[in-house]
């Protein structure tokens, strides 16, 4: 199993719209394409380093991760919904992704 830690920095004034897009669109498309969500978090005191939204996904392996993200990116519902949510400009100004593997002493192994 591998994990992907994703951190998003919302465009000024658009964090609520980003949350709404996850609630109303992204999670359903994730589920359809097998992107397993472990959890979502927001920093207590967001700053330039912390980002505004952090979430963790789980995948069986790197090949599954790549295939599932490709299917997500190509999904017509996602493409249309993303475009509709960004008619006034992007909701995210920066995003990072870190691939993680559990240590041998992690409860996740």
PDB file of N, CA and C in Angstrom:
ATOM      1  N   UNK A   1       0.846  -1.175   0.000  1.00  0.00           N
ATOM      2  CA  UNK A   1       0.000   0.000   0.000  1.00  0.00           C
ATOM      3  C   UNK A   1       0.892   1.239   0.000  1.00  0.00           C
ATOM      4  N   UNK A   2       0.489   2.239  -0.791  1.00  0.00           N
ATOM      5  CA  UNK A   2       1.147   3.535  -0.744  1.00  0.00           C
ATOM      6  C   UNK A   2       0.091   4.594  -0.447  1.00  0.00           C
ATOM      7  N   UNK A   3       0.559   5.730  -0.005  1.00  0.00           N
ATOM      8  CA  UNK A   3      -0.327   6.824   0.360  1.00  0.00           C
ATOM      9  C   UNK A   3       0.114   8.078  -0.373  1.00  0.00           C
ATOM     10  N   UNK A   4      -0.845   8.935  -0.672  1.00  0.00           N
ATOM     11  CA  UNK A   4      -0.537  10.207  -1.312  1.00  0.00           C
ATOM     12  C   UNK A   4      -1.076  11.326  -0.426  1.00  0.00           C
ATOM     13  N   UNK A   5      -0.167  12.176   0.009  1.00  0.00           N
ATOM     14  CA  UNK A   5      -0.512  13.346   0.798  1.00  0.00           C
ATOM     15  C   UNK A   5      -0.592  14.533  -0.144  1.00  0.00           C
ATOM     16  N   UNK A   6      -1.763  15.149  -0.214  1.00  0.00           N
ATOM     17  CA  UNK A   6      -1.968  16.279  -1.119  1.00  0.00           C
ATOM     18  C   UNK A   6      -2.299  17.521  -0.290  1.00  0.00           C
ATOM     19  N   UNK A   7      -1.687  18.625  -0.647  1.00  0.00           N
ATOM     20  CA  UNK A   7      -1.899  19.891   0.045  1.00  0.00           C
ATOM     21  C   UNK A   7      -2.275  20.938  -0.988  1.00  0.00           C
ATOM     22  N   UNK A   8      -3.349  21.668  -0.706  1.00  0.00           N
ATOM     23  CA  UNK A   8      -3.835  22.709  -1.614  1.00  0.00           C
ATOM     24  C   UNK A   8      -3.799  24.063  -0.916  1.00  0.00           C
ATOM     25  N   UNK A   9      -3.411  25.064  -1.677  1.00  0.00           N
ATOM     26  CA  UNK A   9      -3.487  26.449  -1.266  1.00  0.00           C
ATOM     27  C   UNK A   9      -4.606  27.075  -2.084  1.00  0.00           C
ATOM     28  N   UNK A  10      -5.662  27.504  -1.420  1.00  0.00           N
ATOM     29  CA  UNK A  10      -6.829  28.066  -2.115  1.00  0.00           C
ATOM     30  C   UNK A  10      -6.524  29.474  -2.605  1.00  0.00           C
ATOM     31  N   UNK A  11      -7.152  29.827  -3.720  1.00  0.00           N
ATOM     32  CA  UNK A  11      -7.085  31.210  -4.196  1.00  0.00           C
ATOM     33  C   UNK A  11      -7.762  32.090  -3.142  1.00  0.00           C
ATOM     34  N   UNK A  12      -7.310  33.330  -3.001  1.00  0.00           N
ATOM     35  CA  UNK A  12      -7.900  34.220  -1.989  1.00  0.00           C
ATOM     36  C   UNK A  12      -9.421  34.275  -2.092  1.00  0.00           C
ATOM     37  N   UNK A  13     -10.074  34.036  -0.950  1.00  0.00           N
ATOM     38  CA  UNK A  13     -11.523  34.109  -0.876  1.00  0.00           C
ATOM     39  C   UNK A  13     -12.270  32.918  -1.454  1.00  0.00           C
ATOM     40  N   UNK A  14     -11.545  31.856  -1.865  1.00  0.00           N
ATOM     41  CA  UNK A  14     -12.213  30.746  -2.541  1.00  0.00           C
ATOM     42  C   UNK A  14     -12.144  29.404  -1.798  1.00  0.00           C
ATOM     43  N   UNK A  15     -11.713  29.416  -0.555  1.00  0.00           N
ATOM     44  CA  UNK A  15     -11.627  28.157   0.187  1.00  0.00           C
ATOM     45  C   UNK A  15     -12.996  27.507   0.356  1.00  0.00           C
ATOM     46  N   UNK A  16     -14.016  28.285   0.667  1.00  0.00           N
ATOM     47  CA  UNK A  16     -15.360  27.701   0.831  1.00  0.00           C
ATOM     48  C   UNK A  16     -15.835  27.057  -0.471  1.00  0.00           C
ATOM     49  N   UNK A  17     -15.536  27.664  -1.592  1.00  0.00           N
ATOM     50  CA  UNK A  17     -15.924  27.086  -2.885  1.00  0.00           C
ATOM     51  C   UNK A  17     -15.143  25.812  -3.164  1.00  0.00           C
ATOM     52  N   UNK A  18     -13.887  25.754  -2.731  1.00  0.00           N
ATOM     53  CA  UNK A  18     -13.095  24.533  -2.895  1.00  0.00           C
ATOM     54  C   UNK A  18     -13.695  23.397  -2.065  1.00  0.00           C
ATOM     55  N   UNK A  19     -14.048  23.692  -0.813  1.00  0.00           N
ATOM     56  CA  UNK A  19     -14.711  22.685   0.028  1.00  0.00           C
ATOM     57  C   UNK A  19     -16.017  22.220  -0.618  1.00  0.00           C
ATOM     58  N   UNK A  20     -16.789  23.152  -1.139  1.00  0.00           N
ATOM     59  CA  UNK A  20     -18.070  22.805  -1.769  1.00  0.00           C
ATOM     60  C   UNK A  20     -17.855  21.891  -2.973  1.00  0.00           C
ATOM     61  N   UNK A  21     -16.802  22.153  -3.750  1.00  0.00           N
ATOM     62  CA  UNK A  21     -16.545  21.294  -4.916  1.00  0.00           C
ATOM     63  C   UNK A  21     -16.178  19.881  -4.476  1.00  0.00           C
ATOM     64  N   UNK A  22     -15.391  19.754  -3.424  1.00  0.00           N
ATOM     65  CA  UNK A  22     -15.081  18.410  -2.921  1.00  0.00           C
ATOM     66  C   UNK A  22     -16.353  17.705  -2.465  1.00  0.00           C
ATOM     67  N   UNK A  23     -17.198  18.411  -1.696  1.00  0.00           N
ATOM     68  CA  UNK A  23     -18.432  17.802  -1.183  1.00  0.00           C
ATOM     69  C   UNK A  23     -19.379  17.379  -2.302  1.00  0.00           C
ATOM     70  N   UNK A  24     -19.573  18.239  -3.284  1.00  0.00           N
ATOM     71  CA  UNK A  24     -20.630  18.014  -4.265  1.00  0.00           C
ATOM     72  C   UNK A  24     -20.184  17.299  -5.534  1.00  0.00           C
ATOM     73  N   UNK A  25     -18.882  17.246  -5.808  1.00  0.00           N
ATOM     74  CA  UNK A  25     -18.423  16.667  -7.062  1.00  0.00           C
ATOM     75  C   UNK A  25     -17.243  15.711  -6.886  1.00  0.00           C
ATOM     76  N   UNK A  26     -16.166  16.228  -6.341  1.00  0.00           N
ATOM     77  CA  UNK A  26     -14.898  15.488  -6.345  1.00  0.00           C
ATOM     78  C   UNK A  26     -15.006  14.136  -5.652  1.00  0.00           C
ATOM     79  N   UNK A  27     -15.636  14.084  -4.487  1.00  0.00           N
ATOM     80  CA  UNK A  27     -15.704  12.812  -3.750  1.00  0.00           C
ATOM     81  C   UNK A  27     -16.434  11.729  -4.533  1.00  0.00           C
ATOM     82  N   UNK A  28     -17.490  12.086  -5.228  1.00  0.00           N
ATOM     83  CA  UNK A  28     -18.223  11.091  -6.023  1.00  0.00           C
ATOM     84  C   UNK A  28     -17.368  10.587  -7.181  1.00  0.00           C
ATOM     85  N   UNK A  29     -16.627  11.485  -7.821  1.00  0.00           N
ATOM     86  CA  UNK A  29     -15.766  11.066  -8.936  1.00  0.00           C
ATOM     87  C   UNK A  29     -14.595  10.246  -8.402  1.00  0.00           C
ATOM     88  N   UNK A  30     -14.036  10.636  -7.256  1.00  0.00           N
ATOM     89  CA  UNK A  30     -12.996   9.825  -6.615  1.00  0.00           C
ATOM     90  C   UNK A  30     -13.505   8.392  -6.420  1.00  0.00           C
ATOM     91  N   UNK A  31     -14.675   8.249  -5.827  1.00  0.00           N
ATOM     92  CA  UNK A  31     -15.225   6.922  -5.529  1.00  0.00           C
ATOM     93  C   UNK A  31     -15.405   6.105  -6.803  1.00  0.00           C
ATOM     94  N   UNK A  32     -15.897   6.738  -7.841  1.00  0.00           N
ATOM     95  CA  UNK A  32     -16.127   6.038  -9.107  1.00  0.00           C
ATOM     96  C   UNK A  32     -14.837   5.475  -9.692  1.00  0.00           C
ATOM     97  N   UNK A  33     -13.722   6.147  -9.429  1.00  0.00           N
ATOM     98  CA  UNK A  33     -12.449   5.729 -10.014  1.00  0.00           C
ATOM     99  C   UNK A  33     -11.508   5.067  -9.005  1.00  0.00           C
ATOM    100  N   UNK A  34     -12.008   4.714  -7.836  1.00  0.00           N
ATOM    101  CA  UNK A  34     -11.220   3.955  -6.874  1.00  0.00           C
ATOM    102  C   UNK A  34     -10.174   4.743  -6.115  1.00  0.00           C
ATOM    103  N   UNK A  35     -10.320   6.064  -6.023  1.00  0.00           N
ATOM    104  CA  UNK A  35      -9.408   6.861  -5.208  1.00  0.00           C
ATOM    105  C   UNK A  35      -9.924   6.787  -3.773  1.00  0.00           C
ATOM    106  N   UNK A  36      -9.219   6.053  -2.933  1.00  0.00           N
ATOM    107  CA  UNK A  36      -9.650   5.790  -1.558  1.00  0.00           C
ATOM    108  C   UNK A  36      -9.190   6.914  -0.635  1.00  0.00           C
ATOM    109  N   UNK A  37     -10.150   7.665  -0.103  1.00  0.00           N
ATOM    110  CA  UNK A  37      -9.853   8.776   0.788  1.00  0.00           C
ATOM    111  C   UNK A  37      -9.670   8.260   2.215  1.00  0.00           C
ATOM    112  N   UNK A  38      -8.540   8.628   2.830  1.00  0.00           N
ATOM    113  CA  UNK A  38      -8.307   8.332   4.241  1.00  0.00           C
ATOM    114  C   UNK A  38      -8.878   9.449   5.097  1.00  0.00           C
ATOM    115  N   UNK A  39      -8.682  10.688   4.670  1.00  0.00           N
ATOM    116  CA  UNK A  39      -9.231  11.818   5.419  1.00  0.00           C
ATOM    117  C   UNK A  39      -8.848  13.148   4.816  1.00  0.00           C
ATOM    118  N   UNK A  40      -9.585  14.170   5.250  1.00  0.00           N
ATOM    119  CA  UNK A  40      -9.333  15.559   4.871  1.00  0.00           C
ATOM    120  C   UNK A  40      -9.104  16.352   6.150  1.00  0.00           C
ATOM    121  N   UNK A  41      -8.212  17.331   6.069  1.00  0.00           N
ATOM    122  CA  UNK A  41      -7.919  18.169   7.214  1.00  0.00           C
ATOM    123  C   UNK A  41      -7.713  19.609   6.764  1.00  0.00           C
ATOM    124  N   UNK A  42      -7.989  20.537   7.684  1.00  0.00           N
ATOM    125  CA  UNK A  42      -7.628  21.936   7.478  1.00  0.00           C
ATOM    126  C   UNK A  42      -6.733  22.338   8.644  1.00  0.00           C
ATOM    127  N   UNK A  43      -5.664  23.073   8.379  1.00  0.00           N
ATOM    128  CA  UNK A  43      -4.791  23.514   9.462  1.00  0.00           C
ATOM    129  C   UNK A  43      -5.537  24.444  10.424  1.00  0.00           C
ATOM    130  N   UNK A  44      -5.208  24.328  11.699  1.00  0.00           N
ATOM    131  CA  UNK A  44      -5.829  25.188  12.708  1.00  0.00           C
ATOM    132  C   UNK A  44      -5.450  26.644  12.448  1.00  0.00           C
ATOM    133  N   UNK A  45      -4.184  26.880  12.155  1.00  0.00           N
ATOM    134  CA  UNK A  45      -3.695  28.219  11.839  1.00  0.00           C
ATOM    135  C   UNK A  45      -3.008  28.180  10.483  1.00  0.00           C
ATOM    136  N   UNK A  46      -3.783  28.248   9.390  1.00  0.00           N
ATOM    137  CA  UNK A  46      -3.160  28.144   8.069  1.00  0.00           C
ATOM    138  C   UNK A  46      -2.131  29.247   7.843  1.00  0.00           C
ATOM    139  N   UNK A  47      -1.060  28.879   7.152  1.00  0.00           N
ATOM    140  CA  UNK A  47      -0.027  29.851   6.813  1.00  0.00           C
ATOM    141  C   UNK A  47       0.551  29.480   5.455  1.00  0.00           C
ATOM    142  N   UNK A  48       1.548  30.207   5.038  1.00  0.00           N
ATOM    143  CA  UNK A  48       2.112  29.996   3.701  1.00  0.00           C
ATOM    144  C   UNK A  48       2.675  28.589   3.522  1.00  0.00           C
ATOM    145  N   UNK A  49       3.152  27.967   4.581  1.00  0.00           N
ATOM    146  CA  UNK A  49       3.729  26.629   4.480  1.00  0.00           C
ATOM    147  C   UNK A  49       2.689  25.516   4.621  1.00  0.00           C
ATOM    148  N   UNK A  50       1.654  25.751   5.410  1.00  0.00           N
ATOM    149  CA  UNK A  50       0.706  24.675   5.730  1.00  0.00           C
ATOM    150  C   UNK A  50      -0.297  24.397   4.627  1.00  0.00           C
ATOM    151  N   UNK A  51      -0.598  25.382   3.800  1.00  0.00           N
ATOM    152  CA  UNK A  51      -1.691  25.245   2.857  1.00  0.00           C
ATOM    153  C   UNK A  51      -3.017  25.417   3.571  1.00  0.00           C
ATOM    154  N   UNK A  52      -4.099  25.240   2.825  1.00  0.00           N
ATOM    155  CA  UNK A  52      -5.448  25.449   3.356  1.00  0.00           C
ATOM    156  C   UNK A  52      -6.253  24.171   3.489  1.00  0.00           C
ATOM    157  N   UNK A  53      -5.888  23.155   2.711  1.00  0.00           N
ATOM    158  CA  UNK A  53      -6.610  21.886   2.713  1.00  0.00           C
ATOM    159  C   UNK A  53      -5.591  20.775   2.488  1.00  0.00           C
ATOM    160  N   UNK A  54      -5.630  19.765   3.347  1.00  0.00           N
ATOM    161  CA  UNK A  54      -4.712  18.637   3.263  1.00  0.00           C
ATOM    162  C   UNK A  54      -5.548  17.366   3.250  1.00  0.00           C
ATOM    163  N   UNK A  55      -5.192  16.424   2.364  1.00  0.00           N
ATOM    164  CA  UNK A  55      -5.894  15.152   2.398  1.00  0.00           C
ATOM    165  C   UNK A  55      -4.965  14.011   2.039  1.00  0.00           C
ATOM    166  N   UNK A  56      -5.382  12.807   2.434  1.00  0.00           N
ATOM    167  CA  UNK A  56      -4.586  11.609   2.268  1.00  0.00           C
ATOM    168  C   UNK A  56      -5.407  10.568   1.522  1.00  0.00           C
ATOM    169  N   UNK A  57      -4.794   9.985   0.492  1.00  0.00           N
ATOM    170  CA  UNK A  57      -5.406   8.918  -0.293  1.00  0.00           C
ATOM    171  C   UNK A  57      -4.570   7.654  -0.152  1.00  0.00           C
ATOM    172  N   UNK A  58      -5.185   6.493  -0.337  1.00  0.00           N
ATOM    173  CA  UNK A  58      -4.482   5.208  -0.284  1.00  0.00           C
ATOM    174  C   UNK A  58      -4.645   4.490  -1.622  1.00  0.00           C
ATOM    175  N   UNK A  59      -3.568   3.833  -2.049  1.00  0.00           N
ATOM    176  CA  UNK A  59      -3.560   3.070  -3.305  1.00  0.00           C
ATOM    177  C   UNK A  59      -2.826   1.750  -3.081  1.00  0.00           C
ATOM    178  N   UNK A  60      -3.188   0.705  -3.813  1.00  0.00           N
ATOM    179  CA  UNK A  60      -2.472  -0.565  -3.681  1.00  0.00           C
ATOM    180  C   UNK A  60      -1.002  -0.448  -4.079  1.00  0.00           C
ATOM    181  N   UNK A  61      -0.723   0.374  -5.104  1.00  0.00           N
ATOM    182  CA  UNK A  61       0.652   0.541  -5.589  1.00  0.00           C
ATOM    183  C   UNK A  61       0.705   1.743  -6.526  1.00  0.00           C
ATOM    184  N   UNK A  62       1.902   2.067  -7.005  1.00  0.00           N
ATOM    185  CA  UNK A  62       2.095   3.234  -7.857  1.00  0.00           C
ATOM    186  C   UNK A  62       1.355   3.104  -9.196  1.00  0.00           C
ATOM    187  N   UNK A  63       1.337   1.922  -9.771  1.00  0.00           N
ATOM    188  CA  UNK A  63       0.640   1.732 -11.048  1.00  0.00           C
ATOM    189  C   UNK A  63      -0.854   2.002 -10.892  1.00  0.00           C
ATOM    190  N   UNK A  64      -1.451   1.533  -9.804  1.00  0.00           N
ATOM    191  CA  UNK A  64      -2.875   1.790  -9.553  1.00  0.00           C
ATOM    192  C   UNK A  64      -3.108   3.277  -9.343  1.00  0.00           C
ATOM    193  N   UNK A  65      -2.216   3.934  -8.617  1.00  0.00           N
ATOM    194  CA  UNK A  65      -2.340   5.374  -8.403  1.00  0.00           C
ATOM    195  C   UNK A  65      -2.373   6.118  -9.742  1.00  0.00           C
ATOM    196  N   UNK A  66      -1.411   5.811 -10.596  1.00  0.00           N
ATOM    197  CA  UNK A  66      -1.330   6.495 -11.892  1.00  0.00           C
ATOM    198  C   UNK A  66      -2.575   6.238 -12.745  1.00  0.00           C
ATOM    199  N   UNK A  67      -3.028   5.000 -12.789  1.00  0.00           N
ATOM    200  CA  UNK A  67      -4.205   4.663 -13.601  1.00  0.00           C
ATOM    201  C   UNK A  67      -5.461   5.346 -13.057  1.00  0.00           C
ATOM    202  N   UNK A  68      -5.608   5.378 -11.737  1.00  0.00           N
ATOM    203  CA  UNK A  68      -6.806   5.974 -11.147  1.00  0.00           C
ATOM    204  C   UNK A  68      -6.824   7.488 -11.311  1.00  0.00           C
ATOM    205  N   UNK A  69      -5.678   8.133 -11.166  1.00  0.00           N
ATOM    206  CA  UNK A  69      -5.630   9.576 -11.393  1.00  0.00           C
ATOM    207  C   UNK A  69      -5.885   9.908 -12.859  1.00  0.00           C
ATOM    208  N   UNK A  70      -5.355   9.100 -13.761  1.00  0.00           N
ATOM    209  CA  UNK A  70      -5.587   9.326 -15.194  1.00  0.00           C
ATOM    210  C   UNK A  70      -7.087   9.232 -15.499  1.00  0.00           C
ATOM    211  N   UNK A  71      -7.744   8.200 -14.967  1.00  0.00           N
ATOM    212  CA  UNK A  71      -9.188   8.035 -15.192  1.00  0.00           C
ATOM    213  C   UNK A  71      -9.962   9.212 -14.590  1.00  0.00           C
ATOM    214  N   UNK A  72      -9.554   9.649 -13.413  1.00  0.00           N
ATOM    215  CA  UNK A  72     -10.200  10.809 -12.783  1.00  0.00           C
ATOM    216  C   UNK A  72     -10.058  12.045 -13.665  1.00  0.00           C
ATOM    217  N   UNK A  73      -8.834  12.337 -14.096  1.00  0.00           N
ATOM    218  CA  UNK A  73      -8.577  13.526 -14.915  1.00  0.00           C
ATOM    219  C   UNK A  73      -9.353  13.511 -16.227  1.00  0.00           C
ATOM    220  N   UNK A  74      -9.599  12.316 -16.777  1.00  0.00           N
ATOM    221  CA  UNK A  74     -10.299  12.191 -18.057  1.00  0.00           C
ATOM    222  C   UNK A  74     -11.809  12.075 -17.906  1.00  0.00           C
ATOM    223  N   UNK A  75     -12.315  12.033 -16.688  1.00  0.00           N
ATOM    224  CA  UNK A  75     -13.746  11.864 -16.444  1.00  0.00           C
ATOM    225  C   UNK A  75     -14.515  13.109 -16.907  1.00  0.00           C
ATOM    226  N   UNK A  76     -15.488  12.931 -17.809  1.00  0.00           N
ATOM    227  CA  UNK A  76     -16.240  14.085 -18.325  1.00  0.00           C
ATOM    228  C   UNK A  76     -16.994  14.862 -17.238  1.00  0.00           C
ATOM    229  N   UNK A  77     -17.533  14.151 -16.249  1.00  0.00           N
ATOM    230  CA  UNK A  77     -18.244  14.852 -15.168  1.00  0.00           C
ATOM    231  C   UNK A  77     -17.275  15.738 -14.393  1.00  0.00           C
ATOM    232  N   UNK A  78     -16.070  15.221 -14.100  1.00  0.00           N
ATOM    233  CA  UNK A  78     -15.064  16.013 -13.403  1.00  0.00           C
ATOM    234  C   UNK A  78     -14.655  17.229 -14.242  1.00  0.00           C
ATOM    235  N   UNK A  79     -14.389  16.999 -15.519  1.00  0.00           N
ATOM    236  CA  UNK A  79     -13.948  18.096 -16.381  1.00  0.00           C
ATOM    237  C   UNK A  79     -14.995  19.207 -16.440  1.00  0.00           C
ATOM    238  N   UNK A  80     -16.247  18.836 -16.619  1.00  0.00           N
ATOM    239  CA  UNK A  80     -17.322  19.829 -16.690  1.00  0.00           C
ATOM    240  C   UNK A  80     -17.512  20.531 -15.346  1.00  0.00           C
ATOM    241  N   UNK A  81     -17.477  19.760 -14.268  1.00  0.00           N
ATOM    242  CA  UNK A  81     -17.669  20.346 -12.942  1.00  0.00           C
ATOM    243  C   UNK A  81     -16.531  21.261 -12.536  1.00  0.00           C
ATOM    244  N   UNK A  82     -15.316  20.860 -12.861  1.00  0.00           N
ATOM    245  CA  UNK A  82     -14.168  21.715 -12.553  1.00  0.00           C
ATOM    246  C   UNK A  82     -14.289  23.029 -13.322  1.00  0.00           C
ATOM    247  N   UNK A  83     -14.591  22.940 -14.615  1.00  0.00           N
ATOM    248  CA  UNK A  83     -14.721  24.148 -15.435  1.00  0.00           C
ATOM    249  C   UNK A  83     -15.826  25.060 -14.890  1.00  0.00           C
ATOM    250  N   UNK A  84     -16.969  24.479 -14.529  1.00  0.00           N
ATOM    251  CA  UNK A  84     -18.080  25.279 -14.011  1.00  0.00           C
ATOM    252  C   UNK A  84     -17.718  25.955 -12.691  1.00  0.00           C
ATOM    253  N   UNK A  85     -16.947  25.258 -11.850  1.00  0.00           N
ATOM    254  CA  UNK A  85     -16.584  25.817 -10.548  1.00  0.00           C
ATOM    255  C   UNK A  85     -15.522  26.905 -10.655  1.00  0.00           C
ATOM    256  N   UNK A  86     -14.890  26.995 -11.821  1.00  0.00           N
ATOM    257  CA  UNK A  86     -13.793  27.953 -11.983  1.00  0.00           C
ATOM    258  C   UNK A  86     -14.090  29.026 -13.024  1.00  0.00           C
ATOM    259  N   UNK A  87     -15.369  29.321 -13.271  1.00  0.00           N
ATOM    260  CA  UNK A  87     -15.704  30.361 -14.241  1.00  0.00           C
ATOM    261  C   UNK A  87     -15.162  31.726 -13.815  1.00  0.00           C
ATOM    262  N   UNK A  88     -14.996  31.934 -12.517  1.00  0.00           N
ATOM    263  CA  UNK A  88     -14.448  33.192 -11.999  1.00  0.00           C
ATOM    264  C   UNK A  88     -12.973  33.069 -11.646  1.00  0.00           C
ATOM    265  N   UNK A  89     -12.309  32.069 -12.182  1.00  0.00           N
ATOM    266  CA  UNK A  89     -10.888  31.857 -11.914  1.00  0.00           C
ATOM    267  C   UNK A  89     -10.658  30.609 -11.097  1.00  0.00           C
ATOM    268  N   UNK A  90      -9.406  30.147 -11.059  1.00  0.00           N
ATOM    269  CA  UNK A  90      -9.081  28.907 -10.357  1.00  0.00           C
ATOM    270  C   UNK A  90      -9.377  28.986  -8.861  1.00  0.00           C
ATOM    271  N   UNK A  91      -9.738  27.833  -8.294  1.00  0.00           N
ATOM    272  CA  UNK A  91      -9.959  27.744  -6.849  1.00  0.00           C
ATOM    273  C   UNK A  91      -8.666  27.454  -6.107  1.00  0.00           C
ATOM    274  N   UNK A  92      -7.694  26.891  -6.798  1.00  0.00           N
ATOM    275  CA  UNK A  92      -6.424  26.486  -6.181  1.00  0.00           C
ATOM    276  C   UNK A  92      -5.289  27.220  -6.879  1.00  0.00           C
ATOM    277  N   UNK A  93      -4.402  27.828  -6.079  1.00  0.00           N
ATOM    278  CA  UNK A  93      -3.248  28.519  -6.658  1.00  0.00           C
ATOM    279  C   UNK A  93      -1.980  27.678  -6.598  1.00  0.00           C
ATOM    280  N   UNK A  94      -1.982  26.678  -5.723  1.00  0.00           N
ATOM    281  CA  UNK A  94      -0.820  25.792  -5.602  1.00  0.00           C
ATOM    282  C   UNK A  94      -1.292  24.468  -5.029  1.00  0.00           C
ATOM    283  N   UNK A  95      -0.698  23.379  -5.508  1.00  0.00           N
ATOM    284  CA  UNK A  95      -0.994  22.049  -4.973  1.00  0.00           C
ATOM    285  C   UNK A  95       0.301  21.245  -4.958  1.00  0.00           C
ATOM    286  N   UNK A  96       0.481  20.468  -3.895  1.00  0.00           N
ATOM    287  CA  UNK A  96       1.629  19.565  -3.832  1.00  0.00           C
ATOM    288  C   UNK A  96       1.141  18.148  -3.580  1.00  0.00           C
ATOM    289  N   UNK A  97       1.962  17.202  -3.992  1.00  0.00           N
ATOM    290  CA  UNK A  97       1.662  15.790  -3.809  1.00  0.00           C
ATOM    291  C   UNK A  97       2.924  15.093  -3.327  1.00  0.00           C
ATOM    292  N   UNK A  98       2.788  14.317  -2.259  1.00  0.00           N
ATOM    293  CA  UNK A  98       3.905  13.545  -1.723  1.00  0.00           C
ATOM    294  C   UNK A  98       3.461  12.096  -1.607  1.00  0.00           C
ATOM    295  N   UNK A  99       4.221  11.188  -2.212  1.00  0.00           N
ATOM    296  CA  UNK A  99       3.918   9.758  -2.121  1.00  0.00           C
ATOM    297  C   UNK A  99       4.635   9.206  -0.885  1.00  0.00           C
ATOM    298  N   UNK A 100       3.892   8.472  -0.076  1.00  0.00           N
ATOM    299  CA  UNK A 100       4.411   7.955   1.194  1.00  0.00           C
ATOM    300  C   UNK A 100       4.253   6.442   1.259  1.00  0.00           C
ATOM    301  N   UNK A 101       5.213   5.792   1.900  1.00  0.00           N
ATOM    302  CA  UNK A 101       5.085   4.370   2.224  1.00  0.00           C
ATOM    303  C   UNK A 101       5.202   4.235   3.737  1.00  0.00           C
ATOM    304  N   UNK A 102       4.432   3.331   4.344  1.00  0.00           N
ATOM    305  CA  UNK A 102       4.499   3.178   5.791  1.00  0.00           C
ATOM    306  C   UNK A 102       5.825   2.578   6.241  1.00  0.00           C
ATOM    307  N   UNK A 103       6.279   2.992   7.386  1.00  0.00           N
ATOM    308  CA  UNK A 103       7.465   2.380   7.986  1.00  0.00           C
ATOM    309  C   UNK A 103       7.115   0.990   8.502  1.00  0.00           C
ATOM    310  N   UNK A 104       8.115   0.201   8.817  1.00  0.00           N
ATOM    311  CA  UNK A 104       7.851  -1.149   9.308  1.00  0.00           C
ATOM    312  C   UNK A 104       7.222  -1.167  10.704  1.00  0.00           C
ATOM    313  N   UNK A 105       7.233  -0.041  11.400  1.00  0.00           N
ATOM    314  CA  UNK A 105       6.627   0.036  12.736  1.00  0.00           C
ATOM    315  C   UNK A 105       5.306   0.804  12.725  1.00  0.00           C
ATOM    316  N   UNK A 106       4.836   1.173  11.558  1.00  0.00           N
ATOM    317  CA  UNK A 106       3.569   1.892  11.452  1.00  0.00           C
ATOM    318  C   UNK A 106       2.397   0.944  11.654  1.00  0.00           C
ATOM    319  N   UNK A 107       1.332   1.405  12.316  1.00  0.00           N
ATOM    320  CA  UNK A 107       0.145   0.568  12.430  1.00  0.00           C
ATOM    321  C   UNK A 107      -0.502   0.264  11.077  1.00  0.00           C
ATOM    322  N   UNK A 108      -0.101   0.987  10.031  1.00  0.00           N
ATOM    323  CA  UNK A 108      -0.681   0.794   8.708  1.00  0.00           C
ATOM    324  C   UNK A 108      -0.035  -0.366   7.943  1.00  0.00           C
ATOM    325  N   UNK A 109       1.035  -0.955   8.433  1.00  0.00           N
ATOM    326  CA  UNK A 109       1.704  -2.033   7.696  1.00  0.00           C
ATOM    327  C   UNK A 109       0.994  -3.344   7.900  1.00  0.00           C
TER     328      UNK A 109
END
